């Protein structure tokens, strides 16, 4: 059973930092890409950052220069610095994984982790 497990959310003050982790487990052949999305109350889910298998990255304009996405083996990270109240949202990890058993690729989502930025 392949799954993504997120951790690291919580409460931070404006200007503070948090680091999110997303651990992929199961019979995974490869991680094609891993991304972080967020959804604030009353808003649509939006892409925050994404990293490809080769290490290429892409960021939403709203987080450029503040957030850094990275990946080490089967775990992805989102380092969030200079946090703002508008960063408050539920953050979801998404990964496109190729399975060992079938060599087919599928999209998987984590359960979401709450990030609240408030003084």
PDB file of N, CA and C in Angstrom:
ATOM      1  N   UNK A   1       0.845  -1.192   0.000  1.00  0.00           N
ATOM      2  CA  UNK A   1       0.000   0.000   0.000  1.00  0.00           C
ATOM      3  C   UNK A   1       0.884   1.248   0.000  1.00  0.00           C
ATOM      4  N   UNK A   2       0.751   2.021  -1.041  1.00  0.00           N
ATOM      5  CA  UNK A   2       1.540   3.247  -1.139  1.00  0.00           C
ATOM      6  C   UNK A   2       0.810   4.360  -0.417  1.00  0.00           C
ATOM      7  N   UNK A   3       1.534   5.132   0.345  1.00  0.00           N
ATOM      8  CA  UNK A   3       0.911   6.267   1.000  1.00  0.00           C
ATOM      9  C   UNK A   3       1.919   7.388   1.198  1.00  0.00           C
ATOM     10  N   UNK A   4       1.362   8.590   1.352  1.00  0.00           N
ATOM     11  CA  UNK A   4       2.155   9.772   1.666  1.00  0.00           C
ATOM     12  C   UNK A   4       1.735  10.244   3.049  1.00  0.00           C
ATOM     13  N   UNK A   5       2.699  10.451   3.916  1.00  0.00           N
ATOM     14  CA  UNK A   5       2.414  10.902   5.273  1.00  0.00           C
ATOM     15  C   UNK A   5       3.121  12.231   5.505  1.00  0.00           C
ATOM     16  N   UNK A   6       2.328  13.229   5.842  1.00  0.00           N
ATOM     17  CA  UNK A   6       2.861  14.570   6.043  1.00  0.00           C
ATOM     18  C   UNK A   6       3.070  14.844   7.534  1.00  0.00           C
ATOM     19  N   UNK A   7       3.981  15.740   7.806  1.00  0.00           N
ATOM     20  CA  UNK A   7       4.204  16.194   9.172  1.00  0.00           C
ATOM     21  C   UNK A   7       4.828  17.576   9.141  1.00  0.00           C
ATOM     22  N   UNK A   8       4.787  18.249  10.271  1.00  0.00           N
ATOM     23  CA  UNK A   8       5.500  19.508  10.401  1.00  0.00           C
ATOM     24  C   UNK A   8       4.649  20.762  10.426  1.00  0.00           C
ATOM     25  N   UNK A   9       3.351  20.622  10.268  1.00  0.00           N
ATOM     26  CA  UNK A   9       2.511  21.810  10.324  1.00  0.00           C
ATOM     27  C   UNK A   9       2.380  22.318  11.744  1.00  0.00           C
ATOM     28  N   UNK A  10       1.690  23.423  11.891  1.00  0.00           N
ATOM     29  CA  UNK A  10       1.478  23.983  13.216  1.00  0.00           C
ATOM     30  C   UNK A  10       1.259  25.474  13.172  1.00  0.00           C
ATOM     31  N   UNK A  11       1.523  26.099  14.302  1.00  0.00           N
ATOM     32  CA  UNK A  11       1.332  27.538  14.453  1.00  0.00           C
ATOM     33  C   UNK A  11       2.675  28.245  14.403  1.00  0.00           C
ATOM     34  N   UNK A  12       2.738  29.308  13.632  1.00  0.00           N
ATOM     35  CA  UNK A  12       3.945  30.123  13.559  1.00  0.00           C
ATOM     36  C   UNK A  12       3.559  31.591  13.588  1.00  0.00           C
ATOM     37  N   UNK A  13       4.456  32.404  14.097  1.00  0.00           N
ATOM     38  CA  UNK A  13       4.225  33.848  14.088  1.00  0.00           C
ATOM     39  C   UNK A  13       4.606  34.425  12.737  1.00  0.00           C
ATOM     40  N   UNK A  14       4.045  35.548  12.373  1.00  0.00           N
ATOM     41  CA  UNK A  14       4.481  36.217  11.143  1.00  0.00           C
ATOM     42  C   UNK A  14       5.996  36.446  11.171  1.00  0.00           C
ATOM     43  N   UNK A  15       6.641  36.112  10.061  1.00  0.00           N
ATOM     44  CA  UNK A  15       8.089  36.197   9.989  1.00  0.00           C
ATOM     45  C   UNK A  15       8.798  34.932  10.424  1.00  0.00           C
ATOM     46  N   UNK A  16       8.050  34.001  10.963  1.00  0.00           N
ATOM     47  CA  UNK A  16       8.634  32.762  11.445  1.00  0.00           C
ATOM     48  C   UNK A  16       8.812  31.726  10.348  1.00  0.00           C
ATOM     49  N   UNK A  17       9.207  30.529  10.766  1.00  0.00           N
ATOM     50  CA  UNK A  17       9.495  29.442   9.831  1.00  0.00           C
ATOM     51  C   UNK A  17       8.843  28.141  10.283  1.00  0.00           C
ATOM     52  N   UNK A  18       8.541  27.333   9.299  1.00  0.00           N
ATOM     53  CA  UNK A  18       8.089  25.964   9.517  1.00  0.00           C
ATOM     54  C   UNK A  18       8.666  25.097   8.420  1.00  0.00           C
ATOM     55  N   UNK A  19       8.830  23.816   8.724  1.00  0.00           N
ATOM     56  CA  UNK A  19       9.305  22.865   7.713  1.00  0.00           C
ATOM     57  C   UNK A  19       8.327  21.704   7.650  1.00  0.00           C
ATOM     58  N   UNK A  20       7.780  21.492   6.459  1.00  0.00           N
ATOM     59  CA  UNK A  20       6.872  20.380   6.234  1.00  0.00           C
ATOM     60  C   UNK A  20       7.637  19.213   5.625  1.00  0.00           C
ATOM     61  N   UNK A  21       7.229  18.006   5.990  1.00  0.00           N
ATOM     62  CA  UNK A  21       7.806  16.795   5.421  1.00  0.00           C
ATOM     63  C   UNK A  21       6.712  15.933   4.831  1.00  0.00           C
ATOM     64  N   UNK A  22       7.079  15.177   3.802  1.00  0.00           N
ATOM     65  CA  UNK A  22       6.141  14.271   3.146  1.00  0.00           C
ATOM     66  C   UNK A  22       6.898  12.979   2.846  1.00  0.00           C
ATOM     67  N   UNK A  23       6.573  11.936   3.592  1.00  0.00           N
ATOM     68  CA  UNK A  23       7.265  10.663   3.434  1.00  0.00           C
ATOM     69  C   UNK A  23       6.420   9.704   2.603  1.00  0.00           C
ATOM     70  N   UNK A  24       6.999   9.240   1.518  1.00  0.00           N
ATOM     71  CA  UNK A  24       6.328   8.270   0.652  1.00  0.00           C
ATOM     72  C   UNK A  24       6.788   6.869   1.035  1.00  0.00           C
ATOM     73  N   UNK A  25       5.843   5.972   1.208  1.00  0.00           N
ATOM     74  CA  UNK A  25       6.192   4.592   1.579  1.00  0.00           C
ATOM     75  C   UNK A  25       5.417   3.604   0.719  1.00  0.00           C
ATOM     76  N   UNK A  26       5.946   2.377   0.643  1.00  0.00           N
ATOM     77  CA  UNK A  26       5.322   1.351  -0.166  1.00  0.00           C
ATOM     78  C   UNK A  26       6.259   0.897  -1.267  1.00  0.00           C
ATOM     79  N   UNK A  27       5.732   0.126  -2.181  1.00  0.00           N
ATOM     80  CA  UNK A  27       6.537  -0.432  -3.261  1.00  0.00           C
ATOM     81  C   UNK A  27       6.664   0.567  -4.403  1.00  0.00           C
ATOM     82  N   UNK A  28       7.545   1.518  -4.180  1.00  0.00           N
ATOM     83  CA  UNK A  28       7.731   2.615  -5.118  1.00  0.00           C
ATOM     84  C   UNK A  28       8.964   2.366  -5.964  1.00  0.00           C
ATOM     85  N   UNK A  29       8.807   2.448  -7.268  1.00  0.00           N
ATOM     86  CA  UNK A  29       9.951   2.326  -8.167  1.00  0.00           C
ATOM     87  C   UNK A  29      10.669   3.654  -8.305  1.00  0.00           C
ATOM     88  N   UNK A  30       9.878   4.706  -8.484  1.00  0.00           N
ATOM     89  CA  UNK A  30      10.485   6.032  -8.615  1.00  0.00           C
ATOM     90  C   UNK A  30       9.459   7.117  -8.289  1.00  0.00           C
ATOM     91  N   UNK A  31       9.975   8.274  -7.921  1.00  0.00           N
ATOM     92  CA  UNK A  31       9.142   9.460  -7.712  1.00  0.00           C
ATOM     93  C   UNK A  31       9.365  10.385  -8.900  1.00  0.00           C
ATOM     94  N   UNK A  32       8.355  10.561  -9.706  1.00  0.00           N
ATOM     95  CA  UNK A  32       8.476  11.384 -10.907  1.00  0.00           C
ATOM     96  C   UNK A  32       8.453  12.870 -10.573  1.00  0.00           C
ATOM     97  N   UNK A  33       7.607  13.231  -9.620  1.00  0.00           N
ATOM     98  CA  UNK A  33       7.549  14.605  -9.151  1.00  0.00           C
ATOM     99  C   UNK A  33       6.875  14.620  -7.785  1.00  0.00           C
ATOM    100  N   UNK A  34       7.153  15.684  -7.054  1.00  0.00           N
ATOM    101  CA  UNK A  34       6.520  15.853  -5.759  1.00  0.00           C
ATOM    102  C   UNK A  34       6.188  17.334  -5.594  1.00  0.00           C
ATOM    103  N   UNK A  35       4.987  17.601  -5.159  1.00  0.00           N
ATOM    104  CA  UNK A  35       4.568  18.989  -5.035  1.00  0.00           C
ATOM    105  C   UNK A  35       3.812  19.251  -3.753  1.00  0.00           C
ATOM    106  N   UNK A  36       3.752  20.511  -3.410  1.00  0.00           N
ATOM    107  CA  UNK A  36       2.973  20.964  -2.269  1.00  0.00           C
ATOM    108  C   UNK A  36       1.873  21.896  -2.754  1.00  0.00           C
ATOM    109  N   UNK A  37       0.677  21.648  -2.277  1.00  0.00           N
ATOM    110  CA  UNK A  37      -0.478  22.472  -2.576  1.00  0.00           C
ATOM    111  C   UNK A  37      -1.039  22.988  -1.259  1.00  0.00           C
ATOM    112  N   UNK A  38      -1.831  24.036  -1.341  1.00  0.00           N
ATOM    113  CA  UNK A  38      -2.489  24.517  -0.138  1.00  0.00           C
ATOM    114  C   UNK A  38      -3.903  24.969  -0.456  1.00  0.00           C
ATOM    115  N   UNK A  39      -4.736  24.897   0.573  1.00  0.00           N
ATOM    116  CA  UNK A  39      -6.116  25.327   0.413  1.00  0.00           C
ATOM    117  C   UNK A  39      -6.536  26.084   1.657  1.00  0.00           C
ATOM    118  N   UNK A  40      -6.841  27.354   1.453  1.00  0.00           N
ATOM    119  CA  UNK A  40      -7.325  28.194   2.538  1.00  0.00           C
ATOM    120  C   UNK A  40      -8.847  28.135   2.564  1.00  0.00           C
ATOM    121  N   UNK A  41      -9.462  28.432   3.700  1.00  0.00           N
ATOM    122  CA  UNK A  41     -10.927  28.373   3.792  1.00  0.00           C
ATOM    123  C   UNK A  41     -11.594  29.240   2.722  1.00  0.00           C
ATOM    124  N   UNK A  42     -12.533  28.652   2.014  1.00  0.00           N
ATOM    125  CA  UNK A  42     -13.276  29.377   0.994  1.00  0.00           C
ATOM    126  C   UNK A  42     -12.530  29.589  -0.306  1.00  0.00           C
ATOM    127  N   UNK A  43     -11.344  29.010  -0.428  1.00  0.00           N
ATOM    128  CA  UNK A  43     -10.549  29.193  -1.637  1.00  0.00           C
ATOM    129  C   UNK A  43     -10.256  27.847  -2.291  1.00  0.00           C
ATOM    130  N   UNK A  44      -9.863  27.918  -3.558  1.00  0.00           N
ATOM    131  CA  UNK A  44      -9.498  26.701  -4.267  1.00  0.00           C
ATOM    132  C   UNK A  44      -8.091  26.256  -3.877  1.00  0.00           C
ATOM    133  N   UNK A  45      -7.854  24.972  -4.033  1.00  0.00           N
ATOM    134  CA  UNK A  45      -6.516  24.448  -3.785  1.00  0.00           C
ATOM    135  C   UNK A  45      -5.576  25.009  -4.844  1.00  0.00           C
ATOM    136  N   UNK A  46      -4.388  25.435  -4.415  1.00  0.00           N
ATOM    137  CA  UNK A  46      -3.436  26.024  -5.342  1.00  0.00           C
ATOM    138  C   UNK A  46      -2.067  25.379  -5.178  1.00  0.00           C
ATOM    139  N   UNK A  47      -1.330  25.367  -6.280  1.00  0.00           N
ATOM    140  CA  UNK A  47       0.023  24.840  -6.253  1.00  0.00           C
ATOM    141  C   UNK A  47       0.943  25.839  -5.562  1.00  0.00           C
ATOM    142  N   UNK A  48       1.753  25.324  -4.623  1.00  0.00           N
ATOM    143  CA  UNK A  48       2.718  26.158  -3.922  1.00  0.00           C
ATOM    144  C   UNK A  48       4.107  25.974  -4.529  1.00  0.00           C
ATOM    145  N   UNK A  49       4.521  24.722  -4.675  1.00  0.00           N
ATOM    146  CA  UNK A  49       5.850  24.424  -5.203  1.00  0.00           C
ATOM    147  C   UNK A  49       5.872  22.994  -5.702  1.00  0.00           C
ATOM    148  N   UNK A  50       6.758  22.734  -6.668  1.00  0.00           N
ATOM    149  CA  UNK A  50       6.864  21.397  -7.213  1.00  0.00           C
ATOM    150  C   UNK A  50       8.318  21.118  -7.569  1.00  0.00           C
ATOM    151  N   UNK A  51       8.736  19.860  -7.413  1.00  0.00           N
ATOM    152  CA  UNK A  51      10.091  19.459  -7.767  1.00  0.00           C
ATOM    153  C   UNK A  51      10.012  18.212  -8.632  1.00  0.00           C
ATOM    154  N   UNK A  52      10.760  18.216  -9.726  1.00  0.00           N
ATOM    155  CA  UNK A  52      10.781  17.097 -10.634  1.00  0.00           C
ATOM    156  C   UNK A  52      11.840  16.073 -10.243  1.00  0.00           C
ATOM    157  N   UNK A  53      11.858  14.973 -10.959  1.00  0.00           N
ATOM    158  CA  UNK A  53      12.798  13.893 -10.642  1.00  0.00           C
ATOM    159  C   UNK A  53      14.242  14.336 -10.815  1.00  0.00           C
ATOM    160  N   UNK A  54      14.463  15.280 -11.727  1.00  0.00           N
ATOM    161  CA  UNK A  54      15.806  15.776 -11.959  1.00  0.00           C
ATOM    162  C   UNK A  54      16.206  16.914 -11.050  1.00  0.00           C
ATOM    163  N   UNK A  55      15.300  17.321 -10.188  1.00  0.00           N
ATOM    164  CA  UNK A  55      15.597  18.394  -9.250  1.00  0.00           C
ATOM    165  C   UNK A  55      15.124  19.763  -9.675  1.00  0.00           C
ATOM    166  N   UNK A  56      14.506  19.860 -10.850  1.00  0.00           N
ATOM    167  CA  UNK A  56      13.986  21.165 -11.274  1.00  0.00           C
ATOM    168  C   UNK A  56      12.821  21.565 -10.370  1.00  0.00           C
ATOM    169  N   UNK A  57      12.714  22.855 -10.098  1.00  0.00           N
ATOM    170  CA  UNK A  57      11.686  23.339  -9.181  1.00  0.00           C
ATOM    171  C   UNK A  57      10.875  24.461  -9.810  1.00  0.00           C
ATOM    172  N   UNK A  58       9.676  24.632  -9.292  1.00  0.00           N
ATOM    173  CA  UNK A  58       8.818  25.715  -9.729  1.00  0.00           C
ATOM    174  C   UNK A  58       8.007  26.168  -8.522  1.00  0.00           C
ATOM    175  N   UNK A  59       7.797  27.471  -8.406  1.00  0.00           N
ATOM    176  CA  UNK A  59       7.121  28.034  -7.251  1.00  0.00           C
ATOM    177  C   UNK A  59       6.001  28.978  -7.667  1.00  0.00           C
ATOM    178  N   UNK A  60       4.988  29.051  -6.831  1.00  0.00           N
ATOM    179  CA  UNK A  60       3.988  30.090  -7.004  1.00  0.00           C
ATOM    180  C   UNK A  60       4.642  31.441  -6.737  1.00  0.00           C
ATOM    181  N   UNK A  61       4.211  32.459  -7.454  1.00  0.00           N
ATOM    182  CA  UNK A  61       4.807  33.787  -7.287  1.00  0.00           C
ATOM    183  C   UNK A  61       4.719  34.253  -5.831  1.00  0.00           C
ATOM    184  N   UNK A  62       3.657  33.885  -5.161  1.00  0.00           N
ATOM    185  CA  UNK A  62       3.424  34.369  -3.797  1.00  0.00           C
ATOM    186  C   UNK A  62       4.423  33.828  -2.774  1.00  0.00           C
ATOM    187  N   UNK A  63       5.134  32.755  -3.132  1.00  0.00           N
ATOM    188  CA  UNK A  63       6.071  32.159  -2.163  1.00  0.00           C
ATOM    189  C   UNK A  63       7.525  32.212  -2.640  1.00  0.00           C
ATOM    190  N   UNK A  64       7.766  32.693  -3.833  1.00  0.00           N
ATOM    191  CA  UNK A  64       9.138  32.752  -4.356  1.00  0.00           C
ATOM    192  C   UNK A  64      10.034  33.567  -3.430  1.00  0.00           C
ATOM    193  N   UNK A  65      11.197  33.015  -3.151  1.00  0.00           N
ATOM    194  CA  UNK A  65      12.140  33.683  -2.271  1.00  0.00           C
ATOM    195  C   UNK A  65      11.906  33.430  -0.799  1.00  0.00           C
ATOM    196  N   UNK A  66      10.781  32.804  -0.465  1.00  0.00           N
ATOM    197  CA  UNK A  66      10.472  32.518   0.946  1.00  0.00           C
ATOM    198  C   UNK A  66      10.407  31.016   1.225  1.00  0.00           C
ATOM    199  N   UNK A  67       9.895  30.259   0.258  1.00  0.00           N
ATOM    200  CA  UNK A  67       9.736  28.817   0.426  1.00  0.00           C
ATOM    201  C   UNK A  67      10.767  28.081  -0.434  1.00  0.00           C
ATOM    202  N   UNK A  68      11.215  26.931   0.067  1.00  0.00           N
ATOM    203  CA  UNK A  68      12.137  26.098  -0.689  1.00  0.00           C
ATOM    204  C   UNK A  68      11.664  24.657  -0.636  1.00  0.00           C
ATOM    205  N   UNK A  69      11.516  24.063  -1.817  1.00  0.00           N
ATOM    206  CA  UNK A  69      11.128  22.663  -1.901  1.00  0.00           C
ATOM    207  C   UNK A  69      12.370  21.828  -2.167  1.00  0.00           C
ATOM    208  N   UNK A  70      12.422  20.654  -1.545  1.00  0.00           N
ATOM    209  CA  UNK A  70      13.553  19.752  -1.761  1.00  0.00           C
ATOM    210  C   UNK A  70      13.069  18.320  -1.578  1.00  0.00           C
ATOM    211  N   UNK A  71      13.949  17.396  -1.953  1.00  0.00           N
ATOM    212  CA  UNK A  71      13.588  15.980  -1.846  1.00  0.00           C
ATOM    213  C   UNK A  71      14.846  15.169  -1.568  1.00  0.00           C
ATOM    214  N   UNK A  72      14.708  14.201  -0.681  1.00  0.00           N
ATOM    215  CA  UNK A  72      15.812  13.301  -0.386  1.00  0.00           C
ATOM    216  C   UNK A  72      15.251  11.887  -0.339  1.00  0.00           C
ATOM    217  N   UNK A  73      15.670  11.069  -1.270  1.00  0.00           N
ATOM    218  CA  UNK A  73      15.159   9.706  -1.436  1.00  0.00           C
ATOM    219  C   UNK A  73      13.632   9.781  -1.536  1.00  0.00           C
ATOM    220  N   UNK A  74      12.903   9.186  -0.612  1.00  0.00           N
ATOM    221  CA  UNK A  74      11.453   9.139  -0.731  1.00  0.00           C
ATOM    222  C   UNK A  74      10.744  10.144   0.167  1.00  0.00           C
ATOM    223  N   UNK A  75      11.448  11.175   0.605  1.00  0.00           N
ATOM    224  CA  UNK A  75      10.840  12.194   1.451  1.00  0.00           C
ATOM    225  C   UNK A  75      11.016  13.573   0.825  1.00  0.00           C
ATOM    226  N   UNK A  76       9.916  14.297   0.773  1.00  0.00           N
ATOM    227  CA  UNK A  76       9.958  15.662   0.275  1.00  0.00           C
ATOM    228  C   UNK A  76       9.813  16.639   1.422  1.00  0.00           C
ATOM    229  N   UNK A  77      10.339  17.840   1.199  1.00  0.00           N
ATOM    230  CA  UNK A  77      10.323  18.863   2.233  1.00  0.00           C
ATOM    231  C   UNK A  77       9.870  20.196   1.644  1.00  0.00           C
ATOM    232  N   UNK A  78       9.241  20.984   2.493  1.00  0.00           N
ATOM    233  CA  UNK A  78       8.918  22.358   2.132  1.00  0.00           C
ATOM    234  C   UNK A  78       9.370  23.235   3.292  1.00  0.00           C
ATOM    235  N   UNK A  79      10.453  23.955   3.089  1.00  0.00           N
ATOM    236  CA  UNK A  79      10.955  24.898   4.079  1.00  0.00           C
ATOM    237  C   UNK A  79      10.267  26.229   3.847  1.00  0.00           C
ATOM    238  N   UNK A  80       9.565  26.695   4.844  1.00  0.00           N
ATOM    239  CA  UNK A  80       8.786  27.930   4.718  1.00  0.00           C
ATOM    240  C   UNK A  80       9.360  28.976   5.666  1.00  0.00           C
ATOM    241  N   UNK A  81       9.912  30.028   5.104  1.00  0.00           N
ATOM    242  CA  UNK A  81      10.483  31.126   5.883  1.00  0.00           C
ATOM    243  C   UNK A  81       9.685  32.402   5.653  1.00  0.00           C
ATOM    244  N   UNK A  82       9.896  33.372   6.514  1.00  0.00           N
ATOM    245  CA  UNK A  82       9.221  34.669   6.398  1.00  0.00           C
ATOM    246  C   UNK A  82       7.719  34.490   6.205  1.00  0.00           C
ATOM    247  N   UNK A  83       7.154  33.666   7.028  1.00  0.00           N
ATOM    248  CA  UNK A  83       5.733  33.338   6.894  1.00  0.00           C
ATOM    249  C   UNK A  83       4.852  34.558   7.100  1.00  0.00           C
ATOM    250  N   UNK A  84       3.754  34.567   6.359  1.00  0.00           N
ATOM    251  CA  UNK A  84       2.779  35.651   6.422  1.00  0.00           C
ATOM    252  C   UNK A  84       1.417  35.076   6.811  1.00  0.00           C
ATOM    253  N   UNK A  85       0.548  35.889   7.386  1.00  0.00           N
ATOM    254  CA  UNK A  85      -0.792  35.374   7.727  1.00  0.00           C
ATOM    255  C   UNK A  85      -1.513  34.773   6.521  1.00  0.00           C
ATOM    256  N   UNK A  86      -1.260  35.307   5.335  1.00  0.00           N
ATOM    257  CA  UNK A  86      -1.929  34.765   4.143  1.00  0.00           C
ATOM    258  C   UNK A  86      -1.397  33.404   3.724  1.00  0.00           C
ATOM    259  N   UNK A  87      -0.360  32.917   4.378  1.00  0.00           N
ATOM    260  CA  UNK A  87       0.105  31.555   4.130  1.00  0.00           C
ATOM    261  C   UNK A  87      -0.718  30.527   4.902  1.00  0.00           C
ATOM    262  N   UNK A  88      -1.603  30.990   5.766  1.00  0.00           N
ATOM    263  CA  UNK A  88      -2.440  30.086   6.546  1.00  0.00           C
ATOM    264  C   UNK A  88      -3.323  29.257   5.625  1.00  0.00           C
ATOM    265  N   UNK A  89      -3.243  27.944   5.766  1.00  0.00           N
ATOM    266  CA  UNK A  89      -3.990  27.029   4.901  1.00  0.00           C
ATOM    267  C   UNK A  89      -3.708  25.595   5.345  1.00  0.00           C
ATOM    268  N   UNK A  90      -4.452  24.680   4.779  1.00  0.00           N
ATOM    269  CA  UNK A  90      -4.095  23.267   4.884  1.00  0.00           C
ATOM    270  C   UNK A  90      -3.171  22.956   3.712  1.00  0.00           C
ATOM    271  N   UNK A  91      -2.023  22.401   4.023  1.00  0.00           N
ATOM    272  CA  UNK A  91      -1.023  22.090   3.011  1.00  0.00           C
ATOM    273  C   UNK A  91      -1.065  20.588   2.702  1.00  0.00           C
ATOM    274  N   UNK A  92      -1.111  20.282   1.410  1.00  0.00           N
ATOM    275  CA  UNK A  92      -1.183  18.905   0.949  1.00  0.00           C
ATOM    276  C   UNK A  92       0.042  18.557   0.113  1.00  0.00           C
ATOM    277  N   UNK A  93       0.552  17.382   0.345  1.00  0.00           N
ATOM    278  CA  UNK A  93       1.630  16.847  -0.472  1.00  0.00           C
ATOM    279  C   UNK A  93       1.024  16.007  -1.599  1.00  0.00           C
ATOM    280  N   UNK A  94       1.586  16.132  -2.784  1.00  0.00           N
ATOM    281  CA  UNK A  94       1.172  15.315  -3.925  1.00  0.00           C
ATOM    282  C   UNK A  94       2.402  14.737  -4.591  1.00  0.00           C
ATOM    283  N   UNK A  95       2.326  13.494  -4.985  1.00  0.00           N
ATOM    284  CA  UNK A  95       3.460  12.880  -5.679  1.00  0.00           C
ATOM    285  C   UNK A  95       2.958  12.017  -6.823  1.00  0.00           C
ATOM    286  N   UNK A  96       3.692  12.080  -7.930  1.00  0.00           N
ATOM    287  CA  UNK A  96       3.461  11.169  -9.050  1.00  0.00           C
ATOM    288  C   UNK A  96       4.471  10.047  -8.893  1.00  0.00           C
ATOM    289  N   UNK A  97       3.978   8.857  -8.592  1.00  0.00           N
ATOM    290  CA  UNK A  97       4.846   7.730  -8.269  1.00  0.00           C
ATOM    291  C   UNK A  97       4.704   6.632  -9.305  1.00  0.00           C
ATOM    292  N   UNK A  98       5.823   6.021  -9.663  1.00  0.00           N
ATOM    293  CA  UNK A  98       5.807   4.825 -10.488  1.00  0.00           C
ATOM    294  C   UNK A  98       5.937   3.629  -9.559  1.00  0.00           C
ATOM    295  N   UNK A  99       5.009   2.685  -9.694  1.00  0.00           N
ATOM    296  CA  UNK A  99       4.990   1.536  -8.801  1.00  0.00           C
ATOM    297  C   UNK A  99       5.921   0.441  -9.297  1.00  0.00           C
ATOM    298  N   UNK A 100       6.549  -0.271  -8.357  1.00  0.00           N
ATOM    299  CA  UNK A 100       7.435  -1.373  -8.710  1.00  0.00           C
ATOM    300  C   UNK A 100       6.687  -2.493  -9.420  1.00  0.00           C
ATOM    301  N   UNK A 101       5.488  -2.770  -8.953  1.00  0.00           N
ATOM    302  CA  UNK A 101       4.757  -3.959  -9.416  1.00  0.00           C
ATOM    303  C   UNK A 101       4.277  -3.829 -10.858  1.00  0.00           C
ATOM    304  N   UNK A 102       3.859  -2.622 -11.235  1.00  0.00           N
ATOM    305  CA  UNK A 102       3.238  -2.455 -12.542  1.00  0.00           C
ATOM    306  C   UNK A 102       4.033  -1.563 -13.491  1.00  0.00           C
ATOM    307  N   UNK A 103       4.973  -0.798 -12.923  1.00  0.00           N
ATOM    308  CA  UNK A 103       5.718   0.206 -13.699  1.00  0.00           C
ATOM    309  C   UNK A 103       4.776   1.268 -14.268  1.00  0.00           C
ATOM    310  N   UNK A 104       3.606   1.385 -13.665  1.00  0.00           N
ATOM    311  CA  UNK A 104       2.675   2.441 -14.051  1.00  0.00           C
ATOM    312  C   UNK A 104       2.764   3.566 -13.030  1.00  0.00           C
ATOM    313  N   UNK A 105       2.399   4.776 -13.456  1.00  0.00           N
ATOM    314  CA  UNK A 105       2.492   5.957 -12.596  1.00  0.00           C
ATOM    315  C   UNK A 105       1.119   6.429 -12.169  1.00  0.00           C
ATOM    316  N   UNK A 106       1.041   6.833 -10.913  1.00  0.00           N
ATOM    317  CA  UNK A 106      -0.219   7.293 -10.345  1.00  0.00           C
ATOM    318  C   UNK A 106       0.034   8.517  -9.482  1.00  0.00           C
ATOM    319  N   UNK A 107      -1.014   9.283  -9.270  1.00  0.00           N
ATOM    320  CA  UNK A 107      -0.957  10.458  -8.406  1.00  0.00           C
ATOM    321  C   UNK A 107      -1.476  10.093  -7.019  1.00  0.00           C
ATOM    322  N   UNK A 108      -0.717  10.492  -6.016  1.00  0.00           N
ATOM    323  CA  UNK A 108      -1.095  10.230  -4.632  1.00  0.00           C
ATOM    324  C   UNK A 108      -1.104  11.538  -3.856  1.00  0.00           C
ATOM    325  N   UNK A 109      -1.991  11.593  -2.856  1.00  0.00           N
ATOM    326  CA  UNK A 109      -2.110  12.775  -2.004  1.00  0.00           C
ATOM    327  C   UNK A 109      -1.889  12.400  -0.542  1.00  0.00           C
ATOM    328  N   UNK A 110      -1.270  13.319   0.175  1.00  0.00           N
ATOM    329  CA  UNK A 110      -1.189  13.175   1.615  1.00  0.00           C
ATOM    330  C   UNK A 110      -2.487  13.614   2.270  1.00  0.00           C
ATOM    331  N   UNK A 111      -2.531  13.479   3.590  1.00  0.00           N
ATOM    332  CA  UNK A 111      -3.762  13.747   4.323  1.00  0.00           C
ATOM    333  C   UNK A 111      -3.948  15.233   4.624  1.00  0.00           C
ATOM    334  N   UNK A 112      -2.927  16.003   4.434  1.00  0.00           N
ATOM    335  CA  UNK A 112      -3.011  17.440   4.695  1.00  0.00           C
ATOM    336  C   UNK A 112      -2.527  17.779   6.095  1.00  0.00           C
ATOM    337  N   UNK A 113      -1.894  18.933   6.208  1.00  0.00           N
ATOM    338  CA  UNK A 113      -1.438  19.402   7.515  1.00  0.00           C
ATOM    339  C   UNK A 113      -1.734  20.898   7.628  1.00  0.00           C
ATOM    340  N   UNK A 114      -2.253  21.307   8.767  1.00  0.00           N
ATOM    341  CA  UNK A 114      -2.661  22.691   8.960  1.00  0.00           C
ATOM    342  C   UNK A 114      -1.452  23.565   9.283  1.00  0.00           C
ATOM    343  N   UNK A 115      -1.347  24.669   8.573  1.00  0.00           N
ATOM    344  CA  UNK A 115      -0.358  25.702   8.872  1.00  0.00           C
ATOM    345  C   UNK A 115      -1.118  26.979   9.199  1.00  0.00           C
ATOM    346  N   UNK A 116      -0.874  27.512  10.373  1.00  0.00           N
ATOM    347  CA  UNK A 116      -1.519  28.741  10.806  1.00  0.00           C
ATOM    348  C   UNK A 116      -0.453  29.767  11.155  1.00  0.00           C
ATOM    349  N   UNK A 117      -0.547  30.931  10.530  1.00  0.00           N
ATOM    350  CA  UNK A 117       0.410  32.009  10.791  1.00  0.00           C
ATOM    351  C   UNK A 117      -0.356  33.146  11.450  1.00  0.00           C
ATOM    352  N   UNK A 118      -0.043  33.375  12.704  1.00  0.00           N
ATOM    353  CA  UNK A 118      -0.779  34.370  13.477  1.00  0.00           C
ATOM    354  C   UNK A 118       0.052  34.816  14.667  1.00  0.00           C
ATOM    355  N   UNK A 119      -0.136  36.066  15.045  1.00  0.00           N
ATOM    356  CA  UNK A 119       0.543  36.570  16.232  1.00  0.00           C
ATOM    357  C   UNK A 119      -0.350  36.411  17.460  1.00  0.00           C
TER     358      UNK A 119
END
